[in-house]
């Protein structure tokens, strides 16, 4: 496709899979879609492979081995760009990866968009160093994927705009589902980390199994809690009904959703989880906690069923509503499939094009400034 000159030249700063994850998947997808549009875009990868690979096993050495080449490439790429698009998160990743991009863009007089993600933004902005908000304020534009983070930013005196996460609908197919199944398949597509509270999903599934003894649960994710979760599943008597599949790559995840009757999302904090969008695009009813920005993403009783954080009994109750009542499941599928169209590329593309153009036009007003305001 020929280059579309209505798009400025973009430097995209962010991670790529592996490992798969919300931000890495979104960065990879945006890069691919922009290139398909003929946009002049280059990637500065924040998680480039270690070369040689053994360096990745040495904690102190691996930090320098990845960081120094990243900073050099970042400086060069920003010099060629009209707009720098930084995928940003809380914690150490902000200080080591996002902040240098913002500072370098300001030093070089290049427009910079901070695309901030993560459900723990409020805590980070409240407890982090003062320079975090100071440098965020110096970005040309601040973009969040959800109204939830928009409100968080506003509480800290920062304006922003919402451009939602992208769902590539071509990757997902809607499987035919009968009205009721004796052996329903429930899935969890979150990593095995405390923030995602997989124990609540296991306890909810144990209650589902009382009514559906042949029910199955697939937990697709990896993380440090695997051993503890295997032990909990054994204590709950779930046996082989629960399958910890490990992380499933993007090319295979569509098949998992196509086999599912219900998605359980037990997270304790979240922004705009891609797993919910993927389930909606696959026609899979969603039972999720109401954490963070999830109520902004889906409407209880219309596009999903929402429960309080940590309440496994409520999660089981709503999952059984989906499995017991074909009309409830069918209504959720129809509404979800209609809603997810808002997050498809043709719609989101227009929003990013507008943001890039506005940032580029503001480039002339950007002045080099090595220090943030106090």
Foldseek 3Di string as FASTA:
>chain_A
DAADVLFWAEEEEEAADDVDDDGNVLSVVVVVVCVVNNHNYDYLHQCDAQVVNCLVVPVVSVLVRRQPVSLVVLLVSLLVGQEYEYEDEADPCCVRGVVSNLQSNLQNLHAYEYAYFDQCVLVRCVPPDPVVVLSVQQHLAYEYQFVLVQVSCVVVVHHHYHQHGADALVLAAAADDDLADLAAEEEEEDAQDVQQPVVLVLLLVLVLCVVRVNYAYEYAHYDDCVVVVVVSNVVSVVPPSYHDPYHDDSNCVNVVLNRHQEYEGQGQGGDADVVLLSNLSHLHEYEYEPHGRVCRLDPDQQQHNYDHHPDSNVSNVRVVVSNVGSVSSNRNNVRSNVSSVCRHCVNSVVVVSVVSSSSSVCSVVRHRDNDGDD
